[in-house]
Amino acid sequence: MQGTGFNWPTTDHFRIVFLPNTDDLTEALMRIERFLGHYRKRHAV
């Protein structure tokens, strides 16, 4: 993607993003979900 896609005023560069594989992302999201579930129970108003 060119620089203007990231609010950069010039187009003299590009950006490359490497993401983890699907299994790692799934595990991370499950951990976040578990954490938020416990957090809600402890801090319920």
Protein backbone atom coordinates (compact mmCIF):
# COMPACT_ATOMS: atom_id res chain seq x y z
CA MET A 1 0.00 0.00 0.00
CA GLN A 2 1.31 3.44 -0.77
CA GLY A 3 2.00 6.01 1.94
CA THR A 4 -1.18 8.04 1.45
CA GLY A 5 -3.16 5.04 2.70
CA PHE A 6 -1.62 5.70 6.12
CA ASN A 7 -2.06 9.50 6.14
CA TRP A 8 1.49 10.02 4.96
CA PRO A 9 1.73 13.07 2.70
CA THR A 10 4.11 11.57 0.12
CA THR A 11 3.96 8.36 -1.88
CA ASP A 12 7.70 7.69 -1.87
CA HIS A 13 7.49 4.53 0.22
CA PHE A 14 5.36 1.44 0.75
CA ARG A 15 4.40 -0.66 3.73
CA ILE A 16 4.50 -4.44 4.16
CA VAL A 17 2.69 -6.19 7.00
CA PHE A 18 3.28 -9.76 8.12
CA LEU A 19 0.56 -11.31 10.24
CA PRO A 20 0.68 -14.48 12.35
CA ASN A 21 -1.01 -17.60 11.02
CA THR A 22 -4.71 -18.20 11.62
CA ASP A 23 -4.18 -20.67 14.48
CA ASP A 24 -2.12 -18.13 16.43
CA LEU A 25 -4.70 -15.39 15.87
CA THR A 26 -7.51 -17.71 16.95
CA GLU A 27 -5.65 -18.62 20.15
CA ALA A 28 -4.95 -14.96 20.92
CA LEU A 29 -8.59 -13.98 20.44
CA MET A 30 -9.76 -16.86 22.63
CA ARG A 31 -7.40 -15.70 25.40
CA ILE A 32 -8.68 -12.14 25.12
CA GLU A 33 -12.27 -13.40 25.26
CA ARG A 34 -11.50 -15.47 28.38
CA PHE A 35 -9.78 -12.51 30.05
CA LEU A 36 -12.67 -10.14 29.31
CA GLY A 37 -15.18 -12.68 30.61
CA HIS A 38 -13.33 -12.92 33.93
CA TYR A 39 -12.81 -9.15 34.04
CA ARG A 40 -16.53 -8.49 33.58
CA LYS A 41 -17.43 -10.86 36.42
CA ARG A 42 -14.97 -9.21 38.82
CA HIS A 43 -15.88 -5.63 37.91
CA ALA A 44 -19.61 -5.91 37.34
CA VAL A 45 -21.50 -2.82 38.41
